[in-house]
Amino acid sequence: MEFIKEFWEFLKIRKKYWLLPIIFVLVLFGGLIILSQGSAVAPFIYTLF
């Protein structure tokens, strides 16, 4: 949790708010990959890409 707080402070101080959508998409795809490993949904996710 400390990393997230520190990263948010960095974004506020440096005014790098444009990085938020990029980070959000990367986290979303990472979660999708982790959740799809070994599940029955995996073949359907691969067809999206």
Protein backbone atom coordinates (compact mmCIF):
# COMPACT_ATOMS: atom_id res chain seq x y z
CA MET A 1 0.00 0.00 0.00
CA GLU A 2 2.89 2.33 0.69
CA PHE A 3 4.01 2.11 -2.94
CA ILE A 4 0.59 3.25 -4.16
CA LYS A 5 0.57 6.22 -1.79
CA GLU A 6 4.08 7.21 -2.82
CA PHE A 7 3.23 6.85 -6.51
CA TRP A 8 0.11 9.01 -6.08
CA GLU A 9 2.19 11.71 -4.35
CA PHE A 10 4.66 11.57 -7.22
CA LEU A 11 1.85 12.05 -9.75
CA LYS A 12 0.39 14.97 -7.80
CA ILE A 13 3.70 16.77 -7.33
CA ARG A 14 4.95 16.26 -10.89
CA LYS A 15 1.46 16.78 -12.41
CA LYS A 16 1.68 13.57 -14.43
CA TYR A 17 -2.04 12.79 -14.36
CA TRP A 18 -1.89 11.53 -17.93
CA LEU A 19 -0.14 8.40 -16.61
CA LEU A 20 -3.23 7.26 -14.68
CA PRO A 21 -5.13 5.77 -17.67
CA ILE A 22 -2.02 3.91 -18.80
CA ILE A 23 -1.45 2.44 -15.33
CA PHE A 24 -5.13 1.55 -15.03
CA VAL A 25 -5.13 -0.35 -18.33
CA LEU A 26 -1.93 -2.20 -17.44
CA VAL A 27 -3.35 -3.26 -14.07
CA LEU A 28 -6.60 -4.32 -15.73
CA PHE A 29 -4.81 -6.49 -18.32
CA GLY A 30 -2.53 -7.94 -15.63
CA GLY A 31 -5.54 -8.92 -13.53
CA LEU A 32 -7.23 -10.40 -16.57
CA ILE A 33 -4.19 -12.54 -17.34
CA ILE A 34 -3.86 -13.72 -13.74
CA LEU A 35 -7.55 -14.58 -13.45
CA SER A 36 -7.69 -16.37 -16.79
CA GLN A 37 -4.84 -18.78 -16.07
CA GLY A 38 -6.25 -22.22 -15.50
CA SER A 39 -9.88 -21.27 -15.79
CA ALA A 40 -12.60 -22.32 -18.19
CA VAL A 41 -12.94 -18.72 -19.37
CA ALA A 42 -9.44 -18.60 -20.88
CA PRO A 43 -10.40 -19.72 -24.44
CA PHE A 44 -13.04 -17.02 -24.62
CA ILE A 45 -10.64 -14.30 -23.48
CA TYR A 46 -8.11 -15.27 -26.17
CA THR A 47 -10.72 -14.69 -28.86
CA LEU A 48 -11.02 -11.05 -27.77
CA PHE A 49 -7.45 -10.41 -28.80
